[in-house]
Amino acid sequence: MNEQTKLGSWRNAVEQRRSVREFDSRPVAEADLRDLIWAAQGKTDASGNRTAPSAHALHPLRFFVMAAAVDTMTPGLYEVEHDSGELRLIHDRDIRPALETAALDEQPWVGAAPCVISVCADFVTPVRAFADQPPKGERGVRYVYIEAGASAQNVLLQATSSGLAGVLVAGFDDTATAEALSLPDGISPVLHLCVGWPAKPVDG
């Protein structure tokens, strides 16, 4: 692929990305899901560089996947291993109803999406690492949100380039969402990415 072709495919993904909230019943291919996970924060070389920038390379993000309809995968909640990027099954229950109930207002796409990628984070480590930067106690939190946004955009652009579509969800009750995801102590939810095949053609 020459440089012009690379630029063209990247620009097409940026231009065609839309927030899509209605999905059809087709399952997501496991290979496509793994591409989305890699786009989120996968390693790009042997030295440990990743697809999304991270202040001081702390990489505080953690990813959980509710794979409700993914070919060849047992339906259930998965944790993405931080170093390897592999998916580890936590349990085989469908937590989409709980995630939808935890969402603010009515957001039925949270309960209907074939796949929900939940971006979570360790806020404690960045807050400590950047404690001397003003505003005191807040700079590290800002860096986490910046990193989460960069990661989410990577996922949505990868989804678009694969013919999939998705929507970012950040309006939810944090405590109820953490309980639904069975998050360990010190990890907090930041956003969801609801992903699947669009129910109707996406306007370009």
C-alpha atoms as a PDB file:
ATOM      1  CA  MET A   1       0.000   0.000   0.000  1.00  0.00           C
ATOM      2  CA  ASN A   2       1.541   3.315  -1.058  1.00  0.00           C
ATOM      3  CA  GLU A   3       1.451   6.460   1.087  1.00  0.00           C
ATOM      4  CA  GLN A   4      -1.371   8.039  -0.893  1.00  0.00           C
ATOM      5  CA  THR A   5      -3.535   4.923  -0.505  1.00  0.00           C
ATOM      6  CA  LYS A   6      -2.831   4.854   3.238  1.00  0.00           C
ATOM      7  CA  LEU A   7      -3.804   8.503   3.555  1.00  0.00           C
ATOM      8  CA  GLY A   8      -6.958   7.917   1.526  1.00  0.00           C
ATOM      9  CA  SER A   9      -8.150   4.992   3.649  1.00  0.00           C
ATOM     10  CA  TRP A  10      -7.468   6.932   6.866  1.00  0.00           C
ATOM     11  CA  ARG A  11      -9.332   9.974   5.587  1.00  0.00           C
ATOM     12  CA  ASN A  12     -12.274   7.807   4.488  1.00  0.00           C
ATOM     13  CA  ALA A  13     -12.601   6.381   7.988  1.00  0.00           C
ATOM     14  CA  VAL A  14     -12.529   9.865   9.531  1.00  0.00           C
ATOM     15  CA  GLU A  15     -15.095  11.223   7.077  1.00  0.00           C
ATOM     16  CA  GLN A  16     -17.443   8.244   7.397  1.00  0.00           C
ATOM     17  CA  ARG A  17     -17.412   7.860  11.189  1.00  0.00           C
ATOM     18  CA  ARG A  18     -20.852   8.509  12.650  1.00  0.00           C
ATOM     19  CA  SER A  19     -22.480   7.839  16.000  1.00  0.00           C
ATOM     20  CA  VAL A  20     -24.722   4.828  15.309  1.00  0.00           C
ATOM     21  CA  ARG A  21     -27.234   3.628  17.893  1.00  0.00           C
ATOM     22  CA  GLU A  22     -29.182   0.985  15.966  1.00  0.00           C
ATOM     23  CA  PHE A  23     -27.619  -2.362  15.150  1.00  0.00           C
ATOM     24  CA  ASP A  24     -28.784  -5.380  13.178  1.00  0.00           C
ATOM     25  CA  SER A  25     -28.669  -8.956  14.445  1.00  0.00           C
ATOM     26  CA  ARG A  26     -25.486 -10.042  12.687  1.00  0.00           C
ATOM     27  CA  PRO A  27     -22.751 -11.105  15.109  1.00  0.00           C
ATOM     28  CA  VAL A  28     -19.415  -9.315  15.138  1.00  0.00           C
ATOM     29  CA  ALA A  29     -16.495 -11.415  13.926  1.00  0.00           C
ATOM     30  CA  GLU A  30     -13.973 -12.261  16.621  1.00  0.00           C
ATOM     31  CA  ALA A  31     -11.177 -11.014  14.353  1.00  0.00           C
ATOM     32  CA  ASP A  32     -12.922  -7.638  14.063  1.00  0.00           C
ATOM     33  CA  LEU A  33     -13.327  -7.422  17.842  1.00  0.00           C
ATOM     34  CA  ARG A  34      -9.658  -8.181  18.336  1.00  0.00           C
ATOM     35  CA  ASP A  35      -8.800  -5.415  15.849  1.00  0.00           C
ATOM     36  CA  LEU A  36     -10.933  -3.008  17.892  1.00  0.00           C
ATOM     37  CA  ILE A  37      -9.159  -4.020  21.098  1.00  0.00           C
ATOM     38  CA  TRP A  38      -5.774  -3.553  19.442  1.00  0.00           C
ATOM     39  CA  ALA A  39      -6.795  -0.121  18.151  1.00  0.00           C
ATOM     40  CA  ALA A  40      -7.797   0.871  21.682  1.00  0.00           C
ATOM     41  CA  GLN A  41      -4.359   0.473  23.214  1.00  0.00           C
ATOM     42  CA  GLY A  42      -2.483  -2.320  21.496  1.00  0.00           C
ATOM     43  CA  LYS A  43       1.270  -2.486  21.383  1.00  0.00           C
ATOM     44  CA  THR A  44       2.804  -1.247  18.143  1.00  0.00           C
ATOM     45  CA  ASP A  45       6.408  -2.374  18.613  1.00  0.00           C
ATOM     46  CA  ALA A  46       8.710  -4.428  20.822  1.00  0.00           C
ATOM     47  CA  SER A  47       9.575  -1.442  23.009  1.00  0.00           C
ATOM     48  CA  GLY A  48       6.013  -1.211  24.297  1.00  0.00           C
ATOM     49  CA  ASN A  49       4.701   1.797  22.394  1.00  0.00           C
ATOM     50  CA  ARG A  50       0.934   1.701  22.040  1.00  0.00           C
ATOM     51  CA  THR A  51      -1.757   2.938  19.673  1.00  0.00           C
ATOM     52  CA  ALA A  52      -2.984   5.660  22.061  1.00  0.00           C
ATOM     53  CA  PRO A  53      -0.750   8.252  23.757  1.00  0.00           C
ATOM     54  CA  SER A  54      -0.339   8.031  27.521  1.00  0.00           C
ATOM     55  CA  ALA A  55       1.168  10.692  29.801  1.00  0.00           C
ATOM     56  CA  HIS A  56       4.483   9.370  31.181  1.00  0.00           C
ATOM     57  CA  ALA A  57       3.538   6.056  29.548  1.00  0.00           C
ATOM     58  CA  LEU A  58       1.532   5.103  32.642  1.00  0.00           C
ATOM     59  CA  HIS A  59      -1.201   3.444  30.551  1.00  0.00           C
ATOM     60  CA  PRO A  60      -3.877   3.591  33.269  1.00  0.00           C
ATOM     61  CA  LEU A  61      -6.723   2.419  31.016  1.00  0.00           C
ATOM     62  CA  ARG A  62      -8.330  -0.969  31.497  1.00  0.00           C
ATOM     63  CA  PHE A  63     -10.786  -2.549  29.058  1.00  0.00           C
ATOM     64  CA  PHE A  64     -13.732  -4.871  29.583  1.00  0.00           C
ATOM     65  CA  VAL A  65     -15.845  -6.367  26.797  1.00  0.00           C
ATOM     66  CA  MET A  66     -19.443  -7.552  27.007  1.00  0.00           C
ATOM     67  CA  ALA A  67     -19.434  -9.871  23.999  1.00  0.00           C
ATOM     68  CA  ALA A  68     -23.093 -10.725  23.502  1.00  0.00           C
ATOM     69  CA  ALA A  69     -22.911 -11.725  19.834  1.00  0.00           C
ATOM     70  CA  VAL A  70     -19.347 -12.344  18.693  1.00  0.00           C
ATOM     71  CA  ASP A  71     -18.644 -15.275  16.377  1.00  0.00           C
ATOM     72  CA  THR A  72     -16.688 -18.153  17.970  1.00  0.00           C
ATOM     73  CA  MET A  73     -16.686 -16.525  21.422  1.00  0.00           C
ATOM     74  CA  THR A  74     -18.664 -17.661  24.444  1.00  0.00           C
ATOM     75  CA  PRO A  75     -21.147 -14.863  25.229  1.00  0.00           C
ATOM     76  CA  GLY A  76     -20.132 -13.111  28.410  1.00  0.00           C
ATOM     77  CA  LEU A  77     -18.017 -10.468  30.079  1.00  0.00           C
ATOM     78  CA  TYR A  78     -14.314 -10.423  29.248  1.00  0.00           C
ATOM     79  CA  GLU A  79     -11.360  -8.544  30.659  1.00  0.00           C
ATOM     80  CA  VAL A  80      -8.646  -7.438  28.253  1.00  0.00           C
ATOM     81  CA  GLU A  81      -5.280  -8.439  29.677  1.00  0.00           C
ATOM     82  CA  HIS A  82      -3.315  -5.232  30.095  1.00  0.00           C
ATOM     83  CA  ASP A  83       0.020  -6.438  28.736  1.00  0.00           C
ATOM     84  CA  SER A  84      -0.929  -9.097  26.194  1.00  0.00           C
ATOM     85  CA  GLY A  85      -4.248  -7.706  24.943  1.00  0.00           C
ATOM     86  CA  GLU A  86      -5.784 -11.182  25.218  1.00  0.00           C
ATOM     87  CA  LEU A  87      -9.401 -11.596  26.260  1.00  0.00           C
ATOM     88  CA  ARG A  88     -10.085 -13.434  29.531  1.00  0.00           C
ATOM     89  CA  LEU A  89     -13.631 -14.600  30.239  1.00  0.00           C
ATOM     90  CA  ILE A  90     -14.843 -13.357  33.630  1.00  0.00           C
ATOM     91  CA  HIS A  91     -18.278 -14.954  33.453  1.00  0.00           C
ATOM     92  CA  ASP A  92     -20.912 -15.956  30.903  1.00  0.00           C
ATOM     93  CA  ARG A  93     -23.723 -13.663  32.087  1.00  0.00           C
ATOM     94  CA  ASP A  94     -25.195 -10.917  29.908  1.00  0.00           C
ATOM     95  CA  ILE A  95     -24.684  -7.660  31.811  1.00  0.00           C
ATOM     96  CA  ARG A  96     -26.098  -5.412  29.093  1.00  0.00           C
ATOM     97  CA  PRO A  97     -29.435  -4.992  30.952  1.00  0.00           C
ATOM     98  CA  ALA A  98     -27.527  -3.861  34.057  1.00  0.00           C
ATOM     99  CA  LEU A  99     -25.392  -1.464  32.017  1.00  0.00           C
ATOM    100  CA  GLU A 100     -28.507  -0.059  30.359  1.00  0.00           C
ATOM    101  CA  THR A 101     -30.223   0.378  33.730  1.00  0.00           C
ATOM    102  CA  ALA A 102     -27.129   2.226  34.991  1.00  0.00           C
ATOM    103  CA  ALA A 103     -27.202   4.593  31.999  1.00  0.00           C
ATOM    104  CA  LEU A 104     -28.600   8.077  32.481  1.00  0.00           C
ATOM    105  CA  ASP A 105     -31.926   8.678  30.744  1.00  0.00           C
ATOM    106  CA  GLU A 106     -33.014   6.139  28.124  1.00  0.00           C
ATOM    107  CA  GLN A 107     -30.159   4.605  26.161  1.00  0.00           C
ATOM    108  CA  PRO A 108     -31.512   1.321  24.739  1.00  0.00           C
ATOM    109  CA  TRP A 109     -28.481   0.824  22.482  1.00  0.00           C
ATOM    110  CA  VAL A 110     -26.444  -0.082  25.581  1.00  0.00           C
ATOM    111  CA  GLY A 111     -28.687  -3.100  26.086  1.00  0.00           C
ATOM    112  CA  ALA A 112     -28.974  -3.970  22.396  1.00  0.00           C
ATOM    113  CA  ALA A 113     -25.452  -3.656  21.005  1.00  0.00           C
ATOM    114  CA  PRO A 114     -23.833  -6.972  20.046  1.00  0.00           C
ATOM    115  CA  CYS A 115     -20.669  -5.799  21.756  1.00  0.00           C
ATOM    116  CA  VAL A 116     -20.010  -3.226  24.478  1.00  0.00           C
ATOM    117  CA  ILE A 117     -16.407  -2.208  25.126  1.00  0.00           C
ATOM    118  CA  SER A 118     -16.107  -0.507  28.504  1.00  0.00           C
ATOM    119  CA  VAL A 119     -13.120   1.779  28.942  1.00  0.00           C
ATOM    120  CA  CYS A 120     -12.152   2.010  32.598  1.00  0.00           C
ATOM    121  CA  ALA A 121      -9.155   3.478  34.382  1.00  0.00           C
ATOM    122  CA  ASP A 122      -6.871   3.568  37.378  1.00  0.00           C
ATOM    123  CA  PHE A 123      -7.092   7.232  38.384  1.00  0.00           C
ATOM    124  CA  VAL A 124      -4.974   6.904  41.518  1.00  0.00           C
ATOM    125  CA  THR A 125      -1.636   6.285  39.819  1.00  0.00           C
ATOM    126  CA  PRO A 126      -1.816   9.308  37.451  1.00  0.00           C
ATOM    127  CA  VAL A 127      -3.022  11.602  40.237  1.00  0.00           C
ATOM    128  CA  ARG A 128       0.015  10.617  42.308  1.00  0.00           C
ATOM    129  CA  ALA A 129       2.393  10.804  39.357  1.00  0.00           C
ATOM    130  CA  PHE A 130       1.338  14.355  38.486  1.00  0.00           C
ATOM    131  CA  ALA A 131       0.632  15.619  41.997  1.00  0.00           C
ATOM    132  CA  ASP A 132       3.113  18.488  41.587  1.00  0.00           C
ATOM    133  CA  GLN A 133       1.482  19.813  38.414  1.00  0.00           C
ATOM    134  CA  PRO A 134      -1.225  22.456  38.812  1.00  0.00           C
ATOM    135  CA  PRO A 135      -4.067  22.318  39.435  1.00  0.00           C
ATOM    136  CA  LYS A 136      -3.050  20.124  42.367  1.00  0.00           C
ATOM    137  CA  GLY A 137      -4.762  16.747  42.345  1.00  0.00           C
ATOM    138  CA  GLU A 138      -6.514  17.349  39.027  1.00  0.00           C
ATOM    139  CA  ARG A 139      -3.861  17.166  36.315  1.00  0.00           C
ATOM    140  CA  GLY A 140      -3.577  13.380  36.403  1.00  0.00           C
ATOM    141  CA  VAL A 141      -7.347  13.041  36.066  1.00  0.00           C
ATOM    142  CA  ARG A 142      -7.283  15.252  32.971  1.00  0.00           C
ATOM    143  CA  TYR A 143      -4.593  13.099  31.411  1.00  0.00           C
ATOM    144  CA  VAL A 144      -6.709   9.974  31.952  1.00  0.00           C
ATOM    145  CA  TYR A 145      -9.684  11.515  30.172  1.00  0.00           C
ATOM    146  CA  ILE A 146      -7.484  12.691  27.295  1.00  0.00           C
ATOM    147  CA  GLU A 147      -6.089   9.173  26.904  1.00  0.00           C
ATOM    148  CA  ALA A 148      -9.544   7.611  27.080  1.00  0.00           C
ATOM    149  CA  GLY A 149     -10.793   9.953  24.360  1.00  0.00           C
ATOM    150  CA  ALA A 150      -7.869   9.132  22.088  1.00  0.00           C
ATOM    151  CA  SER A 151      -8.407   5.414  22.638  1.00  0.00           C
ATOM    152  CA  ALA A 152     -12.145   5.657  21.991  1.00  0.00           C
ATOM    153  CA  GLN A 153     -11.615   7.526  18.735  1.00  0.00           C
ATOM    154  CA  ASN A 154      -9.167   4.830  17.619  1.00  0.00           C
ATOM    155  CA  VAL A 155     -11.807   2.181  18.246  1.00  0.00           C
ATOM    156  CA  LEU A 156     -14.521   4.053  16.391  1.00  0.00           C
ATOM    157  CA  LEU A 157     -12.280   4.682  13.381  1.00  0.00           C
ATOM    158  CA  GLN A 158     -11.240   1.027  13.299  1.00  0.00           C
ATOM    159  CA  ALA A 159     -14.899   0.022  13.501  1.00  0.00           C
ATOM    160  CA  THR A 160     -15.737   2.333  10.609  1.00  0.00           C
ATOM    161  CA  SER A 161     -12.910   0.967   8.467  1.00  0.00           C
ATOM    162  CA  SER A 162     -14.231  -2.570   9.098  1.00  0.00           C
ATOM    163  CA  GLY A 163     -17.804  -1.703   8.095  1.00  0.00           C
ATOM    164  CA  LEU A 164     -18.957  -1.741  11.703  1.00  0.00           C
ATOM    165  CA  ALA A 165     -20.287   1.255  13.597  1.00  0.00           C
ATOM    166  CA  GLY A 166     -20.632   2.408  17.156  1.00  0.00           C
ATOM    167  CA  VAL A 167     -21.468   5.110  19.629  1.00  0.00           C
ATOM    168  CA  LEU A 168     -19.658   6.467  22.674  1.00  0.00           C
ATOM    169  CA  VAL A 169     -21.648   6.468  25.917  1.00  0.00           C
ATOM    170  CA  ALA A 170     -20.414   8.435  28.934  1.00  0.00           C
ATOM    171  CA  GLY A 171     -23.686   9.154  30.732  1.00  0.00           C
ATOM    172  CA  PHE A 172     -24.126   6.547  33.457  1.00  0.00           C
ATOM    173  CA  ASP A 173     -24.175   6.031  37.199  1.00  0.00           C
ATOM    174  CA  ASP A 174     -20.566   5.233  38.070  1.00  0.00           C
ATOM    175  CA  THR A 175     -21.290   3.034  41.080  1.00  0.00           C
ATOM    176  CA  ALA A 176     -23.938   0.908  39.350  1.00  0.00           C
ATOM    177  CA  THR A 177     -21.752   0.568  36.256  1.00  0.00           C
ATOM    178  CA  ALA A 178     -18.740  -0.515  38.303  1.00  0.00           C
ATOM    179  CA  GLU A 179     -20.890  -3.128  40.022  1.00  0.00           C
ATOM    180  CA  ALA A 180     -22.221  -4.447  36.705  1.00  0.00           C
ATOM    181  CA  LEU A 181     -18.673  -4.755  35.363  1.00  0.00           C
ATOM    182  CA  SER A 182     -17.383  -6.345  38.595  1.00  0.00           C
ATOM    183  CA  LEU A 183     -14.557  -3.817  38.605  1.00  0.00           C
ATOM    184  CA  PRO A 184     -11.728  -4.412  41.077  1.00  0.00           C
ATOM    185  CA  ASP A 185     -10.950  -1.791  43.713  1.00  0.00           C
ATOM    186  CA  GLY A 186      -9.145   1.217  42.294  1.00  0.00           C
ATOM    187  CA  ILE A 187     -10.620   0.913  38.791  1.00  0.00           C
ATOM    188  CA  SER A 188     -13.418   3.253  37.683  1.00  0.00           C
ATOM    189  CA  PRO A 189     -15.600   3.286  34.550  1.00  0.00           C
ATOM    190  CA  VAL A 190     -15.003   6.103  32.069  1.00  0.00           C
ATOM    191  CA  LEU A 191     -17.067   5.314  28.960  1.00  0.00           C
ATOM    192  CA  HIS A 192     -18.685   2.577  26.887  1.00  0.00           C
ATOM    193  CA  LEU A 193     -18.349   1.947  23.166  1.00  0.00           C
ATOM    194  CA  CYS A 194     -21.424   0.166  21.791  1.00  0.00           C
ATOM    195  CA  VAL A 195     -20.404  -1.578  18.581  1.00  0.00           C
ATOM    196  CA  GLY A 196     -22.066  -3.690  15.912  1.00  0.00           C
ATOM    197  CA  TRP A 197     -23.232  -3.831  12.322  1.00  0.00           C
ATOM    198  CA  PRO A 198     -25.359  -0.764  11.540  1.00  0.00           C
ATOM    199  CA  ALA A 199     -29.075  -1.513  11.110  1.00  0.00           C
ATOM    200  CA  LYS A 200     -29.221   0.805   8.103  1.00  0.00           C
ATOM    201  CA  PRO A 201     -26.664   2.380   5.770  1.00  0.00           C
ATOM    202  CA  VAL A 202     -24.544   5.040   7.417  1.00  0.00           C
ATOM    203  CA  ASP A 203     -24.591   8.390   5.665  1.00  0.00           C
ATOM    204  CA  GLY A 204     -21.138   9.218   4.359  1.00  0.00           C
END
